[in-house]
Amino acid sequence: GRFTISRDNAKNMVLLQMNSLKPEDTAVYYCNADLWVSGA
């Protein structure tokens, strides 16, 4: 209800819109993805 994840496939990006942030949201945020890269 507060965060929304989305993709921009044309740019190969993932986004995280974070609203109504709380102190307990304080953290280091890490992006993670399964990729098929060149040469793999």
PDB file of all heavy atoms in Angstrom:
ATOM      1  N   GLY A   1       0.785  -1.215   0.000  1.00  0.00           N
ATOM      2  CA  GLY A   1       0.000   0.000   0.000  1.00  0.00           C
ATOM      3  C   GLY A   1       0.819   1.267   0.000  1.00  0.00           C
ATOM      4  O   GLY A   1       0.267   2.356  -0.204  1.00  0.00           O
ATOM      5  N   ARG A   2       2.120   1.154   0.231  1.00  0.00           N
ATOM      6  CA  ARG A   2       2.989   2.327   0.270  1.00  0.00           C
ATOM      7  C   ARG A   2       4.037   2.314  -0.840  1.00  0.00           C
ATOM      8  O   ARG A   2       4.385   3.367  -1.369  1.00  0.00           O
ATOM      9  CB  ARG A   2       3.702   2.424   1.620  1.00  0.00           C
ATOM     10  CG  ARG A   2       2.751   2.540   2.809  1.00  0.00           C
ATOM     11  CD  ARG A   2       3.514   2.831   4.097  1.00  0.00           C
ATOM     12  NE  ARG A   2       4.431   1.749   4.454  1.00  0.00           N
ATOM     13  CZ  ARG A   2       5.752   1.892   4.550  1.00  0.00           C
ATOM     14  NH1 ARG A   2       6.314   3.077   4.327  1.00  0.00           N
ATOM     15  NH2 ARG A   2       6.514   0.857   4.899  1.00  0.00           N
ATOM     16  N   PHE A   3       4.546   1.137  -1.179  1.00  0.00           N
ATOM     17  CA  PHE A   3       5.579   1.001  -2.206  1.00  0.00           C
ATOM     18  C   PHE A   3       4.977   0.408  -3.473  1.00  0.00           C
ATOM     19  O   PHE A   3       4.065  -0.428  -3.412  1.00  0.00           O
ATOM     20  CB  PHE A   3       6.707   0.085  -1.736  1.00  0.00           C
ATOM     21  CG  PHE A   3       7.566   0.637  -0.631  1.00  0.00           C
ATOM     22  CD1 PHE A   3       7.230   1.800   0.046  1.00  0.00           C
ATOM     23  CD2 PHE A   3       8.725  -0.030  -0.265  1.00  0.00           C
ATOM     24  CE1 PHE A   3       8.026   2.297   1.066  1.00  0.00           C
ATOM     25  CE2 PHE A   3       9.529   0.458   0.751  1.00  0.00           C
ATOM     26  CZ  PHE A   3       9.184   1.617   1.418  1.00  0.00           C
ATOM     27  N   THR A   4       5.514   0.811  -4.616  1.00  0.00           N
ATOM     28  CA  THR A   4       5.108   0.259  -5.897  1.00  0.00           C
ATOM     29  C   THR A   4       6.338  -0.049  -6.730  1.00  0.00           C
ATOM     30  O   THR A   4       7.164   0.835  -6.970  1.00  0.00           O
ATOM     31  CB  THR A   4       4.200   1.224  -6.677  1.00  0.00           C
ATOM     32  OG1 THR A   4       3.042   1.541  -5.900  1.00  0.00           O
ATOM     33  CG2 THR A   4       3.755   0.585  -7.989  1.00  0.00           C
ATOM     34  N   ILE A   5       6.464  -1.302  -7.160  1.00  0.00           N
ATOM     35  CA  ILE A   5       7.564  -1.699  -8.028  1.00  0.00           C
ATOM     36  C   ILE A   5       7.065  -1.723  -9.465  1.00  0.00           C
ATOM     37  O   ILE A   5       5.926  -2.107  -9.730  1.00  0.00           O
ATOM     38  CB  ILE A   5       8.143  -3.068  -7.608  1.00  0.00           C
ATOM     39  CG1 ILE A   5       9.427  -3.373  -8.383  1.00  0.00           C
ATOM     40  CG2 ILE A   5       7.122  -4.184  -7.776  1.00  0.00           C
ATOM     41  CD1 ILE A   5      10.180  -4.599  -7.861  1.00  0.00           C
ATOM     42  N   SER A   6       7.912  -1.310 -10.393  1.00  0.00           N
ATOM     43  CA  SER A   6       7.540  -1.293 -11.797  1.00  0.00           C
ATOM     44  C   SER A   6       8.778  -1.505 -12.660  1.00  0.00           C
ATOM     45  O   SER A   6       9.904  -1.441 -12.175  1.00  0.00           O
ATOM     46  CB  SER A   6       6.843   0.020 -12.170  1.00  0.00           C
ATOM     47  OG  SER A   6       7.703   1.131 -11.970  1.00  0.00           O
ATOM     48  N   ARG A   7       8.537  -1.762 -13.938  1.00  0.00           N
ATOM     49  CA  ARG A   7       9.619  -1.987 -14.896  1.00  0.00           C
ATOM     50  C   ARG A   7       9.503  -1.019 -16.056  1.00  0.00           C
ATOM     51  O   ARG A   7       8.408  -0.634 -16.469  1.00  0.00           O
ATOM     52  CB  ARG A   7       9.572  -3.420 -15.446  1.00  0.00           C
ATOM     53  CG  ARG A   7       9.693  -4.522 -14.438  1.00  0.00           C
ATOM     54  CD  ARG A   7       9.393  -5.871 -15.086  1.00  0.00           C
ATOM     55  NE  ARG A   7      10.347  -6.200 -16.151  1.00  0.00           N
ATOM     56  CZ  ARG A   7      11.117  -7.282 -16.168  1.00  0.00           C
ATOM     57  NH1 ARG A   7      11.053  -8.150 -15.162  1.00  0.00           N
ATOM     58  NH2 ARG A   7      11.936  -7.499 -17.186  1.00  0.00           N
ATOM     59  N   ASP A   8      10.644  -0.640 -16.584  1.00  0.00           N
ATOM     60  CA  ASP A   8      10.723   0.094 -17.839  1.00  0.00           C
ATOM     61  C   ASP A   8      11.531  -0.790 -18.777  1.00  0.00           C
ATOM     62  O   ASP A   8      12.758  -0.747 -18.782  1.00  0.00           O
ATOM     63  CB  ASP A   8      11.384   1.452 -17.655  1.00  0.00           C
ATOM     64  CG  ASP A   8      11.357   2.291 -18.916  1.00  0.00           C
ATOM     65  OD1 ASP A   8      11.290   1.732 -20.019  1.00  0.00           O
ATOM     66  OD2 ASP A   8      11.406   3.537 -18.797  1.00  0.00           O
ATOM     67  N   ASN A   9      10.843  -1.614 -19.549  1.00  0.00           N
ATOM     68  CA  ASN A   9      11.516  -2.613 -20.368  1.00  0.00           C
ATOM     69  C   ASN A   9      12.374  -1.989 -21.470  1.00  0.00           C
ATOM     70  O   ASN A   9      13.411  -2.543 -21.843  1.00  0.00           O
ATOM     71  CB  ASN A   9      10.498  -3.570 -20.980  1.00  0.00           C
ATOM     72  CG  ASN A   9       9.847  -4.463 -19.947  1.00  0.00           C
ATOM     73  OD1 ASN A   9      10.472  -4.852 -18.960  1.00  0.00           O
ATOM     74  ND2 ASN A   9       8.582  -4.806 -20.168  1.00  0.00           N
ATOM     75  N   ALA A  10      11.956  -0.853 -21.996  1.00  0.00           N
ATOM     76  CA  ALA A  10      12.736  -0.199 -23.036  1.00  0.00           C
ATOM     77  C   ALA A  10      14.104   0.228 -22.529  1.00  0.00           C
ATOM     78  O   ALA A  10      15.075   0.263 -23.292  1.00  0.00           O
ATOM     79  CB  ALA A  10      11.979   1.001 -23.592  1.00  0.00           C
ATOM     80  N   LYS A  11      14.187   0.553 -21.256  1.00  0.00           N
ATOM     81  CA  LYS A  11      15.438   0.998 -20.659  1.00  0.00           C
ATOM     82  C   LYS A  11      16.083  -0.060 -19.781  1.00  0.00           C
ATOM     83  O   LYS A  11      17.126   0.201 -19.176  1.00  0.00           O
ATOM     84  CB  LYS A  11      15.208   2.268 -19.844  1.00  0.00           C
ATOM     85  CG  LYS A  11      14.689   3.444 -20.654  1.00  0.00           C
ATOM     86  CD  LYS A  11      14.473   4.660 -19.776  1.00  0.00           C
ATOM     87  CE  LYS A  11      13.957   5.838 -20.583  1.00  0.00           C
ATOM     88  NZ  LYS A  11      13.724   7.034 -19.735  1.00  0.00           N
ATOM     89  N   ASN A  12      15.464  -1.245 -19.693  1.00  0.00           N
ATOM     90  CA  ASN A  12      15.957  -2.321 -18.827  1.00  0.00           C
ATOM     91  C   ASN A  12      16.160  -1.833 -17.399  1.00  0.00           C
ATOM     92  O   ASN A  12      17.210  -2.052 -16.788  1.00  0.00           O
ATOM     93  CB  ASN A  12      17.250  -2.917 -19.384  1.00  0.00           C
ATOM     94  CG  ASN A  12      17.021  -3.731 -20.637  1.00  0.00           C
ATOM     95  OD1 ASN A  12      16.019  -4.425 -20.755  1.00  0.00           O
ATOM     96  ND2 ASN A  12      17.951  -3.656 -21.574  1.00  0.00           N
ATOM     97  N   MET A  13      15.147  -1.180 -16.880  1.00  0.00           N
ATOM     98  CA  MET A  13      15.211  -0.612 -15.545  1.00  0.00           C
ATOM     99  C   MET A  13      14.095  -1.167 -14.662  1.00  0.00           C
ATOM    100  O   MET A  13      13.020  -1.521 -15.143  1.00  0.00           O
ATOM    101  CB  MET A  13      15.088   0.910 -15.587  1.00  0.00           C
ATOM    102  CG  MET A  13      16.216   1.624 -16.279  1.00  0.00           C
ATOM    103  SD  MET A  13      15.990   3.419 -16.293  1.00  0.00           S
ATOM    104  CE  MET A  13      16.058   3.762 -14.535  1.00  0.00           C
ATOM    105  N   VAL A  14      14.371  -1.212 -13.373  1.00  0.00           N
ATOM    106  CA  VAL A  14      13.363  -1.507 -12.375  1.00  0.00           C
ATOM    107  C   VAL A  14      13.284  -0.315 -11.431  1.00  0.00           C
ATOM    108  O   VAL A  14      14.309   0.263 -11.055  1.00  0.00           O
ATOM    109  CB  VAL A  14      13.660  -2.818 -11.612  1.00  0.00           C
ATOM    110  CG1 VAL A  14      14.997  -2.752 -10.893  1.00  0.00           C
ATOM    111  CG2 VAL A  14      12.534  -3.142 -10.638  1.00  0.00           C
ATOM    112  N   LEU A  15      12.064   0.064 -11.073  1.00  0.00           N
ATOM    113  CA  LEU A  15      11.829   1.239 -10.251  1.00  0.00           C
ATOM    114  C   LEU A  15      11.105   0.845  -8.971  1.00  0.00           C
ATOM    115  O   LEU A  15      10.364  -0.129  -8.935  1.00  0.00           O
ATOM    116  CB  LEU A  15      10.985   2.261 -11.014  1.00  0.00           C
ATOM    117  CG  LEU A  15      11.471   2.635 -12.418  1.00  0.00           C
ATOM    118  CD1 LEU A  15      10.443   3.502 -13.121  1.00  0.00           C
ATOM    119  CD2 LEU A  15      12.811   3.359 -12.342  1.00  0.00           C
ATOM    120  N   LEU A  16      11.324   1.618  -7.933  1.00  0.00           N
ATOM    121  CA  LEU A  16      10.602   1.430  -6.678  1.00  0.00           C
ATOM    122  C   LEU A  16      10.143   2.793  -6.186  1.00  0.00           C
ATOM    123  O   LEU A  16      10.957   3.601  -5.739  1.00  0.00           O
ATOM    124  CB  LEU A  16      11.475   0.744  -5.626  1.00  0.00           C
ATOM    125  CG  LEU A  16      10.760   0.387  -4.320  1.00  0.00           C
ATOM    126  CD1 LEU A  16       9.724  -0.715  -4.564  1.00  0.00           C
ATOM    127  CD2 LEU A  16      11.754  -0.054  -3.250  1.00  0.00           C
ATOM    128  N   GLN A  17       8.852   3.042  -6.304  1.00  0.00           N
ATOM    129  CA  GLN A  17       8.259   4.263  -5.777  1.00  0.00           C
ATOM    130  C   GLN A  17       7.882   4.024  -4.328  1.00  0.00           C
ATOM    131  O   GLN A  17       7.096   3.124  -4.031  1.00  0.00           O
ATOM    132  CB  GLN A  17       7.028   4.662  -6.588  1.00  0.00           C
ATOM    133  CG  GLN A  17       6.324   5.913  -6.086  1.00  0.00           C
ATOM    134  CD  GLN A  17       7.161   7.151  -6.254  1.00  0.00           C
ATOM    135  OE1 GLN A  17       7.745   7.367  -7.309  1.00  0.00           O
ATOM    136  NE2 GLN A  17       7.230   7.968  -5.209  1.00  0.00           N
ATOM    137  N   MET A  18       8.433   4.823  -3.429  1.00  0.00           N
ATOM    138  CA  MET A  18       8.217   4.660  -2.001  1.00  0.00           C
ATOM    139  C   MET A  18       7.495   5.885  -1.469  1.00  0.00           C
ATOM    140  O   MET A  18       8.041   6.988  -1.479  1.00  0.00           O
ATOM    141  CB  MET A  18       9.540   4.452  -1.269  1.00  0.00           C
ATOM    142  CG  MET A  18      10.365   3.287  -1.803  1.00  0.00           C
ATOM    143  SD  MET A  18      11.859   2.971  -0.823  1.00  0.00           S
ATOM    144  CE  MET A  18      12.761   4.488  -1.129  1.00  0.00           C
ATOM    145  N   ASN A  19       6.268   5.689  -1.014  1.00  0.00           N
ATOM    146  CA  ASN A  19       5.456   6.755  -0.458  1.00  0.00           C
ATOM    147  C   ASN A  19       5.193   6.499   1.019  1.00  0.00           C
ATOM    148  O   ASN A  19       5.357   5.389   1.517  1.00  0.00           O
ATOM    149  CB  ASN A  19       4.126   6.867  -1.206  1.00  0.00           C
ATOM    150  CG  ASN A  19       4.294   7.205  -2.666  1.00  0.00           C
ATOM    151  OD1 ASN A  19       5.205   7.947  -3.045  1.00  0.00           O
ATOM    152  ND2 ASN A  19       3.403   6.686  -3.502  1.00  0.00           N
ATOM    153  N   SER A  20       4.758   7.541   1.710  1.00  0.00           N
ATOM    154  CA  SER A  20       4.435   7.442   3.137  1.00  0.00           C
ATOM    155  C   SER A  20       5.543   6.766   3.919  1.00  0.00           C
ATOM    156  O   SER A  20       5.311   5.853   4.719  1.00  0.00           O
ATOM    157  CB  SER A  20       3.106   6.692   3.315  1.00  0.00           C
ATOM    158  OG  SER A  20       2.049   7.343   2.638  1.00  0.00           O
ATOM    159  N   LEU A  21       6.755   7.213   3.697  1.00  0.00           N
ATOM    160  CA  LEU A  21       7.915   6.571   4.306  1.00  0.00           C
ATOM    161  C   LEU A  21       7.913   6.708   5.819  1.00  0.00           C
ATOM    162  O   LEU A  21       7.491   7.729   6.367  1.00  0.00           O
ATOM    163  CB  LEU A  21       9.193   7.150   3.722  1.00  0.00           C
ATOM    164  CG  LEU A  21       9.535   6.635   2.318  1.00  0.00           C
ATOM    165  CD1 LEU A  21      10.551   7.543   1.641  1.00  0.00           C
ATOM    166  CD2 LEU A  21      10.067   5.210   2.402  1.00  0.00           C
ATOM    167  N   LYS A  22       8.392   5.662   6.473  1.00  0.00           N
ATOM    168  CA  LYS A  22       8.472   5.589   7.921  1.00  0.00           C
ATOM    169  C   LYS A  22       9.923   5.424   8.350  1.00  0.00           C
ATOM    170  O   LYS A  22      10.740   4.924   7.584  1.00  0.00           O
ATOM    171  CB  LYS A  22       7.654   4.401   8.438  1.00  0.00           C
ATOM    172  CG  LYS A  22       6.198   4.387   8.006  1.00  0.00           C
ATOM    173  CD  LYS A  22       5.517   3.103   8.463  1.00  0.00           C
ATOM    174  CE  LYS A  22       4.069   3.070   8.032  1.00  0.00           C
ATOM    175  NZ  LYS A  22       3.397   1.799   8.462  1.00  0.00           N
ATOM    176  N   PRO A  23      10.258   5.826   9.578  1.00  0.00           N
ATOM    177  CA  PRO A  23      11.633   5.627  10.048  1.00  0.00           C
ATOM    178  C   PRO A  23      12.108   4.185   9.934  1.00  0.00           C
ATOM    179  O   PRO A  23      13.295   3.951   9.671  1.00  0.00           O
ATOM    180  CB  PRO A  23      11.573   6.081  11.509  1.00  0.00           C
ATOM    181  CG  PRO A  23      10.491   7.107  11.521  1.00  0.00           C
ATOM    182  CD  PRO A  23       9.463   6.594  10.547  1.00  0.00           C
ATOM    183  N   GLU A  24      11.212   3.224  10.112  1.00  0.00           N
ATOM    184  CA  GLU A  24      11.597   1.825  10.009  1.00  0.00           C
ATOM    185  C   GLU A  24      11.924   1.386   8.587  1.00  0.00           C
ATOM    186  O   GLU A  24      12.401   0.269   8.373  1.00  0.00           O
ATOM    187  CB  GLU A  24      10.510   0.913  10.598  1.00  0.00           C
ATOM    188  CG  GLU A  24       9.115   1.218  10.089  1.00  0.00           C
ATOM    189  CD  GLU A  24       8.323   2.110  11.035  1.00  0.00           C
ATOM    190  OE1 GLU A  24       8.897   3.099  11.527  1.00  0.00           O
ATOM    191  OE2 GLU A  24       7.138   1.802  11.284  1.00  0.00           O
ATOM    192  N   ASP A  25      11.678   2.250   7.604  1.00  0.00           N
ATOM    193  CA  ASP A  25      12.095   1.971   6.236  1.00  0.00           C
ATOM    194  C   ASP A  25      13.565   2.289   6.002  1.00  0.00           C
ATOM    195  O   ASP A  25      14.101   1.983   4.932  1.00  0.00           O
ATOM    196  CB  ASP A  25      11.256   2.770   5.235  1.00  0.00           C
ATOM    197  CG  ASP A  25       9.792   2.367   5.235  1.00  0.00           C
ATOM    198  OD1 ASP A  25       9.505   1.149   5.301  1.00  0.00           O
ATOM    199  OD2 ASP A  25       8.935   3.264   5.159  1.00  0.00           O
ATOM    200  N   THR A  26      14.211   2.916   6.972  1.00  0.00           N
ATOM    201  CA  THR A  26      15.616   3.271   6.849  1.00  0.00           C
ATOM    202  C   THR A  26      16.459   2.019   6.657  1.00  0.00           C
ATOM    203  O   THR A  26      16.417   1.095   7.465  1.00  0.00           O
ATOM    204  CB  THR A  26      16.088   4.041   8.078  1.00  0.00           C
ATOM    205  OG1 THR A  26      15.386   5.282   8.169  1.00  0.00           O
ATOM    206  CG2 THR A  26      17.583   4.324   8.002  1.00  0.00           C
ATOM    207  N   ALA A  27      17.233   1.994   5.585  1.00  0.00           N
ATOM    208  CA  ALA A  27      18.050   0.833   5.258  1.00  0.00           C
ATOM    209  C   ALA A  27      18.851   1.133   4.004  1.00  0.00           C
ATOM    210  O   ALA A  27      18.626   2.142   3.328  1.00  0.00           O
ATOM    211  CB  ALA A  27      17.178  -0.408   5.026  1.00  0.00           C
ATOM    212  N   VAL A  28      19.782   0.249   3.698  1.00  0.00           N
ATOM    213  CA  VAL A  28      20.418   0.245   2.393  1.00  0.00           C
ATOM    214  C   VAL A  28      19.564  -0.621   1.482  1.00  0.00           C
ATOM    215  O   VAL A  28      19.261  -1.766   1.820  1.00  0.00           O
ATOM    216  CB  VAL A  28      21.860  -0.289   2.453  1.00  0.00           C
ATOM    217  CG1 VAL A  28      22.468  -0.339   1.056  1.00  0.00           C
ATOM    218  CG2 VAL A  28      22.711   0.587   3.366  1.00  0.00           C
ATOM    219  N   TYR A  29      19.174  -0.077   0.352  1.00  0.00           N
ATOM    220  CA  TYR A  29      18.325  -0.783  -0.589  1.00  0.00           C
ATOM    221  C   TYR A  29      19.163  -1.300  -1.747  1.00  0.00           C
ATOM    222  O   TYR A  29      19.954  -0.558  -2.335  1.00  0.00           O
ATOM    223  CB  TYR A  29      17.217   0.136  -1.106  1.00  0.00           C
ATOM    224  CG  TYR A  29      16.113   0.351  -0.100  1.00  0.00           C
ATOM    225  CD1 TYR A  29      16.328   1.108   1.046  1.00  0.00           C
ATOM    226  CD2 TYR A  29      14.852  -0.218  -0.280  1.00  0.00           C
ATOM    227  CE1 TYR A  29      15.333   1.283   1.986  1.00  0.00           C
ATOM    228  CE2 TYR A  29      13.844  -0.039   0.649  1.00  0.00           C
ATOM    229  CZ  TYR A  29      14.092   0.712   1.785  1.00  0.00           C
ATOM    230  OH  TYR A  29      13.087   0.891   2.711  1.00  0.00           O
ATOM    231  N   TYR A  30      18.974  -2.573  -2.079  1.00  0.00           N
ATOM    232  CA  TYR A  30      19.759  -3.244  -3.105  1.00  0.00           C
ATOM    233  C   TYR A  30      18.873  -3.717  -4.248  1.00  0.00           C
ATOM    234  O   TYR A  30      17.845  -4.362  -4.016  1.00  0.00           O
ATOM    235  CB  TYR A  30      20.492  -4.463  -2.533  1.00  0.00           C
ATOM    236  CG  TYR A  30      21.514  -4.139  -1.474  1.00  0.00           C
ATOM    237  CD1 TYR A  30      21.164  -4.107  -0.134  1.00  0.00           C
ATOM    238  CD2 TYR A  30      22.839  -3.883  -1.822  1.00  0.00           C
ATOM    239  CE1 TYR A  30      22.101  -3.822   0.847  1.00  0.00           C
ATOM    240  CE2 TYR A  30      23.777  -3.600  -0.853  1.00  0.00           C
ATOM    241  CZ  TYR A  30      23.400  -3.574   0.484  1.00  0.00           C
ATOM    242  OH  TYR A  30      24.342  -3.298   1.445  1.00  0.00           O
ATOM    243  N   CYS A  31      19.289  -3.428  -5.449  1.00  0.00           N
ATOM    244  CA  CYS A  31      18.644  -3.955  -6.636  1.00  0.00           C
ATOM    245  C   CYS A  31      19.135  -5.373  -6.894  1.00  0.00           C
ATOM    246  O   CYS A  31      20.312  -5.683  -6.671  1.00  0.00           O
ATOM    247  CB  CYS A  31      18.958  -3.055  -7.830  1.00  0.00           C
ATOM    248  SG  CYS A  31      18.273  -3.604  -9.400  1.00  0.00           S
ATOM    249  N   ASN A  32      18.245  -6.234  -7.364  1.00  0.00           N
ATOM    250  CA  ASN A  32      18.595  -7.617  -7.667  1.00  0.00           C
ATOM    251  C   ASN A  32      17.863  -8.048  -8.933  1.00  0.00           C
ATOM    252  O   ASN A  32      16.698  -7.707  -9.115  1.00  0.00           O
ATOM    253  CB  ASN A  32      18.223  -8.530  -6.499  1.00  0.00           C
ATOM    254  CG  ASN A  32      18.580  -9.978  -6.752  1.00  0.00           C
ATOM    255  OD1 ASN A  32      17.747 -10.759  -7.207  1.00  0.00           O
ATOM    256  ND2 ASN A  32      19.828 -10.340  -6.456  1.00  0.00           N
ATOM    257  N   ALA A  33      18.553  -8.802  -9.794  1.00  0.00           N
ATOM    258  CA  ALA A  33      17.929  -9.216 -11.042  1.00  0.00           C
ATOM    259  C   ALA A  33      18.546 -10.486 -11.577  1.00  0.00           C
ATOM    260  O   ALA A  33      19.749 -10.727 -11.402  1.00  0.00           O
ATOM    261  CB  ALA A  33      18.045  -8.114 -12.094  1.00  0.00           C
ATOM    262  N   ASP A  34      17.713 -11.306 -12.220  1.00  0.00           N
ATOM    263  CA  ASP A  34      18.181 -12.445 -12.997  1.00  0.00           C
ATOM    264  C   ASP A  34      18.375 -11.976 -14.429  1.00  0.00           C
ATOM    265  O   ASP A  34      17.425 -11.517 -15.068  1.00  0.00           O
ATOM    266  CB  ASP A  34      17.179 -13.590 -12.955  1.00  0.00           C
ATOM    267  CG  ASP A  34      17.139 -14.294 -11.619  1.00  0.00           C
ATOM    268  OD1 ASP A  34      18.145 -14.239 -10.883  1.00  0.00           O
ATOM    269  OD2 ASP A  34      16.102 -14.910 -11.309  1.00  0.00           O
ATOM    270  N   LEU A  35      19.599 -12.101 -14.922  1.00  0.00           N
ATOM    271  CA  LEU A  35      19.952 -11.608 -16.247  1.00  0.00           C
ATOM    272  C   LEU A  35      20.580 -12.702 -17.091  1.00  0.00           C
ATOM    273  O   LEU A  35      21.268 -13.579 -16.573  1.00  0.00           O
ATOM    274  CB  LEU A  35      20.944 -10.443 -16.157  1.00  0.00           C
ATOM    275  CG  LEU A  35      20.577  -9.258 -15.270  1.00  0.00           C
ATOM    276  CD1 LEU A  35      21.731  -8.261 -15.247  1.00  0.00           C
ATOM    277  CD2 LEU A  35      19.308  -8.585 -15.770  1.00  0.00           C
ATOM    278  N   TRP A  36      20.357 -12.634 -18.399  1.00  0.00           N
ATOM    279  CA  TRP A  36      21.084 -13.435 -19.365  1.00  0.00           C
ATOM    280  C   TRP A  36      21.951 -12.446 -20.134  1.00  0.00           C
ATOM    281  O   TRP A  36      21.455 -11.733 -21.017  1.00  0.00           O
ATOM    282  CB  TRP A  36      20.149 -14.202 -20.294  1.00  0.00           C
ATOM    283  CG  TRP A  36      20.816 -15.286 -21.070  1.00  0.00           C
ATOM    284  CD1 TRP A  36      21.981 -15.207 -21.785  1.00  0.00           C
ATOM    285  CD2 TRP A  36      20.363 -16.636 -21.217  1.00  0.00           C
ATOM    286  NE1 TRP A  36      22.283 -16.405 -22.365  1.00  0.00           N
ATOM    287  CE2 TRP A  36      21.295 -17.311 -22.030  1.00  0.00           C
ATOM    288  CE3 TRP A  36      19.261 -17.337 -20.750  1.00  0.00           C
ATOM    289  CZ2 TRP A  36      21.165 -18.651 -22.380  1.00  0.00           C
ATOM    290  CZ3 TRP A  36      19.117 -18.664 -21.098  1.00  0.00           C
ATOM    291  CH2 TRP A  36      20.067 -19.305 -21.898  1.00  0.00           C
ATOM    292  N   VAL A  37      23.220 -12.422 -19.785  1.00  0.00           N
ATOM    293  CA  VAL A  37      24.123 -11.423 -20.327  1.00  0.00           C
ATOM    294  C   VAL A  37      24.900 -11.987 -21.499  1.00  0.00           C
ATOM    295  O   VAL A  37      24.935 -13.191 -21.739  1.00  0.00           O
ATOM    296  CB  VAL A  37      25.094 -10.899 -19.250  1.00  0.00           C
ATOM    297  CG1 VAL A  37      24.310 -10.327 -18.079  1.00  0.00           C
ATOM    298  CG2 VAL A  37      26.024 -12.014 -18.782  1.00  0.00           C
ATOM    299  N   SER A  38      25.535 -11.103 -22.232  1.00  0.00           N
ATOM    300  CA  SER A  38      26.348 -11.488 -23.374  1.00  0.00           C
ATOM    301  C   SER A  38      27.445 -12.457 -22.953  1.00  0.00           C
ATOM    302  O   SER A  38      28.173 -12.208 -21.995  1.00  0.00           O
ATOM    303  CB  SER A  38      26.974 -10.247 -24.014  1.00  0.00           C
ATOM    304  OG  SER A  38      27.798 -10.590 -25.103  1.00  0.00           O
ATOM    305  N   GLY A  39      27.531 -13.587 -23.659  1.00  0.00           N
ATOM    306  CA  GLY A  39      28.542 -14.585 -23.368  1.00  0.00           C
ATOM    307  C   GLY A  39      28.111 -15.653 -22.387  1.00  0.00           C
ATOM    308  O   GLY A  39      28.820 -16.650 -22.216  1.00  0.00           O
ATOM    309  N   ALA A  40      26.971 -15.474 -21.745  1.00  0.00           N
ATOM    310  CA  ALA A  40      26.494 -16.435 -20.766  1.00  0.00           C
ATOM    311  C   ALA A  40      25.723 -17.556 -21.445  1.00  0.00           C
ATOM    312  O   ALA A  40      25.250 -17.415 -22.572  1.00  0.00           O
ATOM    313  CB  ALA A  40      25.614 -15.751 -19.728  1.00  0.00           C
TER     314      ALA A  40
END
